[in-house]
Protein backbone atom coordinates (compact mmCIF):
# COMPACT_ATOMS: atom_id res chain seq x y z
CA MET A 1 120.72 56.90 93.58
CA PRO A 2 122.72 57.80 90.47
CA ILE A 3 126.21 56.29 90.33
CA GLU A 4 128.59 58.42 88.26
CA ARG A 5 131.73 56.29 88.31
CA SER A 6 132.62 52.67 88.97
CA SER A 7 132.46 51.91 92.68
CA TRP A 8 131.14 49.52 95.24
CA VAL A 9 128.01 49.94 97.28
CA ALA A 10 126.48 48.19 100.28
CA ILE A 11 123.10 48.28 101.92
CA ARG A 12 123.28 49.18 105.58
CA VAL A 13 120.86 48.26 108.32
CA LEU A 14 121.30 51.15 110.73
CA GLY A 15 122.83 50.15 114.01
CA SER A 16 123.57 46.55 113.16
CA SER A 17 125.12 45.46 109.87
CA HIS A 18 125.52 45.85 106.12
CA THR A 19 125.70 43.66 103.05
CA ASN A 20 128.85 42.56 101.30
CA PRO A 21 129.98 45.02 98.64
CA VAL A 22 128.20 45.04 95.32
CA TRP A 23 130.55 46.14 92.54
CA VAL A 24 129.03 48.60 90.06
CA LEU A 25 130.96 49.26 86.85
CA VAL A 26 130.12 52.41 84.90
CA ASP A 27 131.07 52.32 81.21
CA GLY A 28 133.43 49.41 81.94
CA GLY A 29 135.73 51.65 83.99
CA PRO A 30 137.74 50.33 86.94
CA VAL A 31 136.84 51.01 90.56
CA ARG A 32 139.35 53.55 91.88
CA THR A 33 139.75 55.34 95.19
CA SER A 34 140.67 58.97 95.55
CA LYS A 35 144.17 60.15 94.66
CA ARG A 36 144.69 60.90 98.34
CA SER A 37 143.89 57.33 99.40
CA THR A 38 145.99 55.84 96.63
CA GLN A 39 148.94 58.08 97.52
CA TRP A 40 148.61 56.94 101.14
CA CYS A 41 148.91 53.33 99.97
CA LEU A 42 151.96 54.13 97.83
CA ASP A 43 153.59 55.95 100.73
CA SER A 44 152.81 52.99 102.98
CA VAL A 45 154.63 50.61 100.63
CA ASP A 46 157.71 52.85 100.85
CA GLN A 47 157.43 53.06 104.65
CA CYS A 48 157.03 49.31 104.96
CA TRP A 49 160.06 48.70 102.75
CA SER A 50 162.18 51.15 104.75
CA GLN A 51 161.41 49.21 107.94
CA LYS A 52 161.68 45.65 106.61
CA GLU A 53 164.45 45.72 104.01
CA ARG A 54 167.24 45.17 106.50
CA PHE A 55 165.56 42.06 107.92
CA ILE A 56 165.07 40.25 104.61
CA ALA A 57 167.40 37.32 104.00
CA LYS A 58 169.96 37.92 101.25
CA ALA A 59 168.62 34.92 99.34
CA GLU A 60 165.15 36.51 99.28
CA LEU A 61 166.16 40.15 98.76
CA ALA A 62 165.92 40.22 94.96
CA ASP A 63 162.42 38.74 95.03
CA ALA A 64 161.37 41.15 97.79
CA LYS A 65 162.69 44.14 95.83
CA ALA A 66 160.79 42.96 92.77
CA ALA A 67 157.57 42.54 94.76
CA TYR A 68 157.82 46.03 96.27
CA ALA A 69 158.66 47.52 92.87
CA HIS A 70 155.58 45.80 91.43
CA ALA A 71 153.41 47.25 94.23
CA ARG A 72 154.78 50.75 93.60
CA LYS A 73 154.15 50.41 89.86
CA GLU A 74 150.54 49.31 90.43
CA TYR A 75 149.81 52.11 92.88
CA ARG A 76 151.33 54.68 90.51
CA LYS A 77 149.13 53.32 87.71
CA ARG A 78 146.06 53.53 89.95
CA LEU A 79 147.05 57.01 91.06
CA ALA A 80 147.00 58.13 87.42
CA GLU A 81 143.57 56.49 86.98
CA SER A 82 141.99 58.01 90.10
CA PRO A 83 139.22 60.41 89.07
CA VAL A 84 139.05 62.46 92.27
CA ASN A 85 141.43 63.98 94.76
């Protein structure tokens, strides 16, 4: 089976199980999901923050904001790298 872009594959035994993922890198490129999946993850970070922010202790709020900002930055980077919709 030709593999056109970096991805993971597994061998499946129908009806029972499959192997762990085997990571296949094509031309050294990163493994990326579709733009749609990556956008869903980015949206989920925002949704999670909107529900949890008010419960975070003041002493931990700055670190939490930084962590969520880092997650958003990474997902935006991956969104730009995603080869397919």
